[in-house]
Amino acid sequence: MYHQGHSDDPKTGGFTYIKDVRPGMKSLKMKIMVLQVNNPYKTKDGNEVRSCKVADKTGSINISIWGEDGNYVQPGDILQLTRGYGTLFKGCLTLYMGKGGTLIKTGEFCMLFNEVPDLSEPNPEWIQQAKDKVNQGPTDPRLGGKPAKHGKT
């Protein structure tokens, strides 16, 4: 089954490159190297979150790691992410691990990477698309994603 953001291209081994991540993409399978690990912070409901800068050969992006997993991640770790997704957080594209996803250390320090482009830099086009989606209102899947009509016509 084809998932948006998931590549079955034999050259990539089914992995999605950072340069191809867009807001709303789901079911991402990625191989990434940790460049920087920031101090954890607590959310309002007490969850611990750690933001990390990760990269592959096509660019870099921030990933938010929730819970204890963040305690084990170190700069130089090479990780395989499954069931990842991309979304805007404070106007910046950020990776997350979805429900049932995994973040597995597969090596360290031996991976080509580029820090540029940094996909977590604010992108006005994506911010505008997110605003347009909110302003558009609810959509009706029976209408192919077109806006739902309210009231009698």
N, C-alpha and C. Protein backbone atom coordinates (compact mmCIF):
# COMPACT_ATOMS: atom_id res chain seq x y z
N MET A 1 0.84 -1.18 0.00
CA MET A 1 0.00 0.00 0.00
C MET A 1 0.88 1.24 0.00
N TYR A 2 0.56 2.22 -0.79
CA TYR A 2 1.33 3.45 -0.90
C TYR A 2 0.88 4.42 0.18
N HIS A 3 1.85 5.00 0.90
CA HIS A 3 1.56 6.03 1.90
C HIS A 3 2.19 7.32 1.44
N GLN A 4 1.48 8.43 1.59
CA GLN A 4 2.05 9.73 1.22
C GLN A 4 3.34 9.94 2.00
N GLY A 5 4.39 10.34 1.31
CA GLY A 5 5.66 10.60 1.97
C GLY A 5 6.56 9.38 2.02
N HIS A 6 6.02 8.23 1.68
CA HIS A 6 6.81 7.00 1.72
C HIS A 6 7.24 6.68 0.30
N SER A 7 8.51 6.47 0.11
CA SER A 7 9.02 6.20 -1.22
C SER A 7 9.37 4.73 -1.36
N ASP A 8 8.87 4.10 -2.43
CA ASP A 8 9.23 2.72 -2.71
C ASP A 8 10.34 2.65 -3.75
N ASP A 9 10.99 3.77 -3.99
CA ASP A 9 12.08 3.85 -4.95
C ASP A 9 13.23 2.98 -4.45
N PRO A 10 13.71 2.03 -5.26
CA PRO A 10 14.79 1.14 -4.81
C PRO A 10 16.08 1.89 -4.48
N LYS A 11 16.28 3.07 -5.08
CA LYS A 11 17.50 3.83 -4.79
C LYS A 11 17.49 4.37 -3.35
N THR A 12 16.31 4.62 -2.79
CA THR A 12 16.23 5.17 -1.44
C THR A 12 15.92 4.09 -0.41
N GLY A 13 15.66 2.87 -0.84
CA GLY A 13 15.34 1.80 0.09
C GLY A 13 14.03 2.03 0.82
N GLY A 14 13.12 2.79 0.21
CA GLY A 14 11.84 3.06 0.86
C GLY A 14 11.90 4.20 1.86
N PHE A 15 13.06 4.84 2.00
CA PHE A 15 13.21 5.94 2.95
C PHE A 15 12.82 7.26 2.29
N THR A 16 12.29 8.17 3.10
CA THR A 16 12.00 9.52 2.66
C THR A 16 13.17 10.40 3.05
N TYR A 17 13.61 11.25 2.12
CA TYR A 17 14.68 12.20 2.43
C TYR A 17 14.10 13.45 3.07
N ILE A 18 14.90 14.10 3.90
CA ILE A 18 14.47 15.32 4.58
C ILE A 18 14.00 16.37 3.58
N LYS A 19 14.68 16.52 2.47
CA LYS A 19 14.31 17.55 1.48
C LYS A 19 12.89 17.36 0.95
N ASP A 20 12.33 16.15 1.07
CA ASP A 20 11.00 15.85 0.54
C ASP A 20 9.89 15.97 1.58
N VAL A 21 10.23 16.22 2.84
CA VAL A 21 9.22 16.29 3.90
C VAL A 21 8.44 17.59 3.76
N ARG A 22 7.12 17.47 3.88
CA ARG A 22 6.22 18.62 3.82
C ARG A 22 5.22 18.51 4.97
N PRO A 23 4.64 19.64 5.38
CA PRO A 23 3.62 19.58 6.44
C PRO A 23 2.49 18.65 6.04
N GLY A 24 2.04 17.84 6.97
CA GLY A 24 0.93 16.93 6.72
C GLY A 24 1.33 15.55 6.23
N MET A 25 2.61 15.36 5.90
CA MET A 25 3.04 14.04 5.44
C MET A 25 3.05 13.08 6.62
N LYS A 26 2.67 11.82 6.35
CA LYS A 26 2.58 10.81 7.40
C LYS A 26 3.28 9.54 6.95
N SER A 27 3.41 8.61 7.87
CA SER A 27 3.98 7.28 7.59
C SER A 27 5.37 7.38 6.99
N LEU A 28 6.15 8.33 7.50
CA LEU A 28 7.50 8.53 6.99
C LEU A 28 8.46 7.51 7.59
N LYS A 29 9.30 6.97 6.73
CA LYS A 29 10.39 6.08 7.15
C LYS A 29 11.66 6.81 6.76
N MET A 30 12.51 7.11 7.75
CA MET A 30 13.67 7.95 7.48
C MET A 30 14.91 7.42 8.19
N LYS A 31 16.07 7.70 7.59
CA LYS A 31 17.35 7.41 8.21
C LYS A 31 18.01 8.77 8.43
N ILE A 32 18.27 9.11 9.70
CA ILE A 32 18.73 10.45 10.05
C ILE A 32 19.89 10.38 11.03
N MET A 33 20.72 11.41 11.02
CA MET A 33 21.82 11.51 11.97
C MET A 33 21.55 12.68 12.90
N VAL A 34 21.76 12.46 14.19
CA VAL A 34 21.53 13.49 15.19
C VAL A 34 22.72 14.45 15.21
N LEU A 35 22.45 15.75 15.00
CA LEU A 35 23.50 16.76 15.04
C LEU A 35 23.57 17.45 16.39
N GLN A 36 22.39 17.71 16.97
CA GLN A 36 22.33 18.49 18.21
C GLN A 36 21.15 18.00 19.04
N VAL A 37 21.36 17.90 20.35
CA VAL A 37 20.30 17.51 21.27
C VAL A 37 20.11 18.65 22.27
N ASN A 38 18.92 19.21 22.32
CA ASN A 38 18.63 20.31 23.23
C ASN A 38 18.13 19.78 24.57
N ASN A 39 18.17 20.65 25.58
CA ASN A 39 17.67 20.29 26.90
C ASN A 39 16.17 20.03 26.82
N PRO A 40 15.69 19.09 27.63
CA PRO A 40 14.24 18.79 27.60
C PRO A 40 13.44 19.91 28.26
N TYR A 41 12.18 19.97 27.90
CA TYR A 41 11.26 20.87 28.57
C TYR A 41 9.98 20.11 28.85
N LYS A 42 9.19 20.62 29.78
CA LYS A 42 7.93 19.96 30.14
C LYS A 42 6.76 20.73 29.53
N THR A 43 5.80 19.98 28.99
CA THR A 43 4.59 20.59 28.48
C THR A 43 3.67 20.92 29.64
N LYS A 44 2.58 21.64 29.35
CA LYS A 44 1.62 22.00 30.39
C LYS A 44 1.07 20.78 31.12
N ASP A 45 0.93 19.66 30.39
CA ASP A 45 0.38 18.46 31.01
C ASP A 45 1.46 17.53 31.56
N GLY A 46 2.70 18.03 31.68
CA GLY A 46 3.76 17.28 32.36
C GLY A 46 4.58 16.33 31.50
N ASN A 47 4.33 16.29 30.19
CA ASN A 47 5.13 15.43 29.32
C ASN A 47 6.50 16.06 29.07
N GLU A 48 7.53 15.23 28.99
CA GLU A 48 8.88 15.72 28.69
C GLU A 48 9.12 15.63 27.19
N VAL A 49 9.61 16.72 26.60
CA VAL A 49 9.87 16.79 25.17
C VAL A 49 11.30 17.30 24.97
N ARG A 50 11.98 16.70 24.01
CA ARG A 50 13.34 17.13 23.69
C ARG A 50 13.39 17.41 22.19
N SER A 51 13.89 18.58 21.84
CA SER A 51 14.04 18.95 20.43
C SER A 51 15.47 18.64 20.00
N CYS A 52 15.60 18.04 18.82
CA CYS A 52 16.91 17.68 18.29
C CYS A 52 17.00 18.15 16.84
N LYS A 53 18.19 18.52 16.42
CA LYS A 53 18.44 18.82 15.01
C LYS A 53 19.00 17.54 14.39
N VAL A 54 18.37 17.09 13.31
CA VAL A 54 18.81 15.88 12.61
C VAL A 54 19.04 16.22 11.14
N ALA A 55 19.82 15.38 10.46
CA ALA A 55 20.14 15.64 9.06
C ALA A 55 20.31 14.33 8.30
N ASP A 56 20.18 14.42 6.98
CA ASP A 56 20.60 13.35 6.08
C ASP A 56 21.35 14.03 4.95
N LYS A 57 21.61 13.35 3.87
CA LYS A 57 22.42 13.95 2.82
C LYS A 57 21.71 15.07 2.06
N THR A 58 20.40 15.26 2.33
CA THR A 58 19.64 16.25 1.58
C THR A 58 19.30 17.51 2.37
N GLY A 59 19.57 17.54 3.68
CA GLY A 59 19.25 18.72 4.48
C GLY A 59 19.07 18.37 5.93
N SER A 60 18.58 19.34 6.71
CA SER A 60 18.38 19.13 8.15
C SER A 60 16.98 19.58 8.55
N ILE A 61 16.56 19.13 9.73
CA ILE A 61 15.23 19.45 10.24
C ILE A 61 15.23 19.19 11.74
N ASN A 62 14.31 19.84 12.46
CA ASN A 62 14.13 19.57 13.88
C ASN A 62 13.19 18.38 14.05
N ILE A 63 13.46 17.59 15.09
CA ILE A 63 12.56 16.52 15.47
C ILE A 63 12.25 16.69 16.95
N SER A 64 10.99 16.54 17.32
CA SER A 64 10.59 16.58 18.73
C SER A 64 10.41 15.14 19.20
N ILE A 65 11.13 14.80 20.25
CA ILE A 65 11.06 13.44 20.79
C ILE A 65 10.40 13.52 22.17
N TRP A 66 9.27 12.85 22.29
CA TRP A 66 8.48 12.87 23.51
C TRP A 66 8.86 11.69 24.40
N GLY A 67 8.80 11.92 25.71
CA GLY A 67 9.01 10.85 26.69
C GLY A 67 10.47 10.48 26.89
N GLU A 68 10.66 9.26 27.39
CA GLU A 68 11.99 8.80 27.77
C GLU A 68 12.94 8.60 26.59
N ASP A 69 12.41 8.37 25.39
CA ASP A 69 13.27 8.15 24.23
C ASP A 69 14.30 9.26 24.08
N GLY A 70 13.91 10.49 24.41
CA GLY A 70 14.81 11.63 24.28
C GLY A 70 16.04 11.55 25.18
N ASN A 71 15.94 10.78 26.26
CA ASN A 71 17.07 10.65 27.19
C ASN A 71 18.21 9.84 26.60
N TYR A 72 17.94 9.06 25.59
CA TYR A 72 18.95 8.14 25.05
C TYR A 72 19.60 8.63 23.76
N VAL A 73 19.07 9.69 23.19
CA VAL A 73 19.58 10.20 21.92
C VAL A 73 20.81 11.07 22.16
N GLN A 74 21.87 10.83 21.38
CA GLN A 74 23.12 11.58 21.51
C GLN A 74 23.55 12.12 20.15
N PRO A 75 24.26 13.26 20.11
CA PRO A 75 24.81 13.73 18.84
C PRO A 75 25.70 12.65 18.21
N GLY A 76 25.54 12.47 16.92
CA GLY A 76 26.31 11.45 16.20
C GLY A 76 25.57 10.16 16.01
N ASP A 77 24.47 9.96 16.75
CA ASP A 77 23.67 8.74 16.57
C ASP A 77 23.01 8.74 15.19
N ILE A 78 23.00 7.59 14.56
CA ILE A 78 22.25 7.40 13.33
C ILE A 78 20.99 6.63 13.70
N LEU A 79 19.85 7.21 13.38
CA LEU A 79 18.56 6.65 13.79
C LEU A 79 17.71 6.30 12.58
N GLN A 80 16.91 5.27 12.77
CA GLN A 80 15.88 4.95 11.78
C GLN A 80 14.54 5.27 12.42
N LEU A 81 13.80 6.16 11.78
CA LEU A 81 12.48 6.58 12.24
C LEU A 81 11.43 5.89 11.40
N THR A 82 10.44 5.30 12.04
CA THR A 82 9.29 4.75 11.31
C THR A 82 8.03 5.45 11.82
N ARG A 83 7.05 5.52 10.95
CA ARG A 83 5.77 6.16 11.25
C ARG A 83 5.95 7.61 11.72
N GLY A 84 6.91 8.29 11.11
CA GLY A 84 7.12 9.70 11.41
C GLY A 84 6.12 10.56 10.65
N TYR A 85 5.96 11.79 11.10
CA TYR A 85 5.12 12.72 10.37
C TYR A 85 5.68 14.13 10.49
N GLY A 86 5.37 14.95 9.51
CA GLY A 86 5.81 16.34 9.50
C GLY A 86 4.64 17.27 9.73
N THR A 87 4.87 18.27 10.58
CA THR A 87 3.83 19.26 10.84
C THR A 87 4.49 20.58 11.22
N LEU A 88 3.73 21.66 11.14
CA LEU A 88 4.26 22.96 11.53
C LEU A 88 4.08 23.15 13.03
N PHE A 89 5.17 23.53 13.71
CA PHE A 89 5.14 23.87 15.13
C PHE A 89 5.73 25.26 15.25
N LYS A 90 4.92 26.23 15.69
CA LYS A 90 5.32 27.64 15.76
C LYS A 90 5.86 28.11 14.41
N GLY A 91 5.19 27.68 13.33
CA GLY A 91 5.53 28.12 11.99
C GLY A 91 6.72 27.42 11.36
N CYS A 92 7.30 26.43 12.06
CA CYS A 92 8.48 25.73 11.56
C CYS A 92 8.16 24.25 11.34
N LEU A 93 8.58 23.72 10.20
CA LEU A 93 8.37 22.30 9.92
C LEU A 93 9.16 21.46 10.92
N THR A 94 8.48 20.51 11.55
CA THR A 94 9.09 19.67 12.58
C THR A 94 8.66 18.23 12.36
N LEU A 95 9.58 17.31 12.62
CA LEU A 95 9.29 15.87 12.57
C LEU A 95 8.83 15.39 13.93
N TYR A 96 7.95 14.41 13.92
CA TYR A 96 7.48 13.73 15.13
C TYR A 96 7.39 12.25 14.83
N MET A 97 7.39 11.44 15.87
CA MET A 97 7.16 10.01 15.72
C MET A 97 5.70 9.75 16.06
N GLY A 98 4.98 9.13 15.13
CA GLY A 98 3.56 8.86 15.32
C GLY A 98 3.32 7.67 16.24
N LYS A 99 2.06 7.47 16.58
CA LYS A 99 1.65 6.32 17.41
C LYS A 99 2.12 5.03 16.75
N GLY A 100 2.74 4.16 17.53
CA GLY A 100 3.21 2.89 17.00
C GLY A 100 4.51 3.02 16.22
N GLY A 101 5.07 4.22 16.18
CA GLY A 101 6.32 4.45 15.46
C GLY A 101 7.52 4.00 16.30
N THR A 102 8.67 3.94 15.64
CA THR A 102 9.90 3.56 16.33
C THR A 102 11.01 4.53 15.97
N LEU A 103 11.96 4.63 16.89
CA LEU A 103 13.16 5.41 16.70
C LEU A 103 14.30 4.51 17.18
N ILE A 104 15.01 3.91 16.22
CA ILE A 104 16.00 2.88 16.55
C ILE A 104 17.39 3.36 16.16
N LYS A 105 18.34 3.25 17.08
CA LYS A 105 19.72 3.59 16.78
C LYS A 105 20.31 2.47 15.92
N THR A 106 20.83 2.84 14.74
CA THR A 106 21.38 1.84 13.83
C THR A 106 22.88 2.02 13.61
N GLY A 107 23.48 3.06 14.19
CA GLY A 107 24.91 3.30 14.04
C GLY A 107 25.27 4.64 14.61
N GLU A 108 26.54 5.06 14.36
CA GLU A 108 26.93 6.39 14.79
C GLU A 108 28.06 6.94 13.94
N PHE A 109 28.03 8.24 13.74
CA PHE A 109 29.07 9.05 13.11
C PHE A 109 29.43 8.72 11.67
N CYS A 110 28.81 7.76 11.03
CA CYS A 110 29.25 7.37 9.70
C CYS A 110 28.10 7.53 8.70
N MET A 111 27.78 8.80 8.40
CA MET A 111 26.70 9.07 7.48
C MET A 111 26.93 10.43 6.83
N LEU A 112 26.80 10.51 5.52
CA LEU A 112 26.88 11.80 4.85
C LEU A 112 25.66 12.62 5.22
N PHE A 113 25.89 13.92 5.49
CA PHE A 113 24.75 14.77 5.79
C PHE A 113 25.03 16.19 5.34
N ASN A 114 23.96 16.96 5.19
CA ASN A 114 24.01 18.38 4.88
C ASN A 114 23.12 19.11 5.86
N GLU A 115 23.57 20.24 6.34
CA GLU A 115 22.74 21.05 7.23
C GLU A 115 21.85 22.01 6.42
N VAL A 116 22.15 22.14 5.13
CA VAL A 116 21.41 23.06 4.27
C VAL A 116 20.78 22.26 3.14
N PRO A 117 19.53 22.45 2.80
CA PRO A 117 18.64 23.42 3.43
C PRO A 117 18.12 22.91 4.77
N ASP A 118 17.82 23.87 5.64
CA ASP A 118 17.23 23.56 6.94
C ASP A 118 15.72 23.69 6.79
N LEU A 119 15.03 22.57 6.69
CA LEU A 119 13.59 22.60 6.47
C LEU A 119 12.80 23.10 7.66
N SER A 120 13.46 23.25 8.81
CA SER A 120 12.78 23.78 9.98
C SER A 120 12.82 25.31 10.05
N GLU A 121 13.48 25.95 9.09
CA GLU A 121 13.41 27.41 9.01
C GLU A 121 11.98 27.79 8.64
N PRO A 122 11.47 28.91 9.15
CA PRO A 122 10.10 29.31 8.79
C PRO A 122 9.94 29.41 7.28
N ASN A 123 8.83 28.86 6.79
CA ASN A 123 8.54 28.86 5.37
C ASN A 123 7.19 29.57 5.17
N PRO A 124 7.21 30.81 4.67
CA PRO A 124 5.96 31.58 4.54
C PRO A 124 4.89 30.85 3.73
N GLU A 125 5.28 30.10 2.72
CA GLU A 125 4.30 29.38 1.88
C GLU A 125 3.54 28.34 2.70
N TRP A 126 4.27 27.57 3.52
CA TRP A 126 3.61 26.54 4.35
C TRP A 126 2.75 27.17 5.43
N ILE A 127 3.22 28.29 5.99
CA ILE A 127 2.43 28.98 7.02
C ILE A 127 1.12 29.47 6.41
N GLN A 128 1.18 30.05 5.19
CA GLN A 128 -0.02 30.53 4.51
C GLN A 128 -0.97 29.38 4.18
N GLN A 129 -0.41 28.24 3.73
CA GLN A 129 -1.25 27.07 3.44
C GLN A 129 -1.97 26.60 4.69
N ALA A 130 -1.27 26.61 5.83
CA ALA A 130 -1.90 26.20 7.09
C ALA A 130 -3.02 27.16 7.47
N LYS A 131 -2.79 28.47 7.29
CA LYS A 131 -3.83 29.46 7.59
C LYS A 131 -5.02 29.30 6.65
N ASP A 132 -4.75 29.08 5.36
CA ASP A 132 -5.83 28.89 4.39
C ASP A 132 -6.68 27.68 4.74
N LYS A 133 -6.03 26.61 5.19
CA LYS A 133 -6.75 25.40 5.55
C LYS A 133 -7.69 25.65 6.72
N VAL A 134 -7.21 26.40 7.72
CA VAL A 134 -8.04 26.73 8.88
C VAL A 134 -9.21 27.61 8.45
N ASN A 135 -8.94 28.60 7.60
CA ASN A 135 -10.00 29.53 7.16
C ASN A 135 -11.01 28.87 6.24
N GLN A 136 -10.60 27.79 5.58
CA GLN A 136 -11.47 27.10 4.63
C GLN A 136 -12.61 26.40 5.36
N GLY A 137 -12.40 26.04 6.60
CA GLY A 137 -13.43 25.36 7.36
C GLY A 137 -13.40 23.87 7.10
N PRO A 138 -14.37 23.15 7.68
CA PRO A 138 -14.38 21.70 7.54
C PRO A 138 -14.64 21.26 6.10
N THR A 139 -14.04 20.13 5.74
CA THR A 139 -14.28 19.57 4.42
C THR A 139 -15.07 18.29 4.57
N ASP A 140 -15.76 17.93 3.52
CA ASP A 140 -16.59 16.73 3.52
C ASP A 140 -15.92 15.69 2.63
N PRO A 141 -15.43 14.57 3.22
CA PRO A 141 -14.74 13.56 2.41
C PRO A 141 -15.63 12.99 1.30
N ARG A 142 -16.95 13.04 1.48
CA ARG A 142 -17.85 12.54 0.45
C ARG A 142 -17.85 13.43 -0.77
N LEU A 143 -17.37 14.66 -0.60
CA LEU A 143 -17.32 15.61 -1.71
C LEU A 143 -15.91 15.74 -2.25
N GLY A 144 -15.07 14.74 -2.00
CA GLY A 144 -13.70 14.77 -2.51
C GLY A 144 -12.85 15.83 -1.83
N GLY A 145 -13.16 16.14 -0.54
CA GLY A 145 -12.37 17.11 0.19
C GLY A 145 -12.82 18.56 -0.02
N LYS A 146 -13.93 18.75 -0.75
CA LYS A 146 -14.43 20.11 -0.96
C LYS A 146 -15.12 20.58 0.31
N PRO A 147 -15.25 21.90 0.47
CA PRO A 147 -15.88 22.42 1.69
C PRO A 147 -17.28 21.84 1.89
N ALA A 148 -17.60 21.56 3.13
CA ALA A 148 -18.93 21.06 3.47
C ALA A 148 -19.92 22.21 3.37
N LYS A 149 -21.11 21.93 2.87
CA LYS A 149 -22.16 22.95 2.78
C LYS A 149 -23.03 22.85 4.02
N HIS A 150 -23.31 24.00 4.59
CA HIS A 150 -24.12 24.02 5.80
C HIS A 150 -25.47 24.64 5.46
N GLY A 151 -26.50 24.13 6.05
CA GLY A 151 -27.84 24.66 5.81
C GLY A 151 -28.43 24.10 4.54
N LYS A 152 -29.67 24.53 4.25
CA LYS A 152 -30.35 24.04 3.05
C LYS A 152 -30.01 24.92 1.86
N THR A 153 -29.92 24.27 0.71
CA THR A 153 -29.63 25.03 -0.52
C THR A 153 -30.79 24.97 -1.46
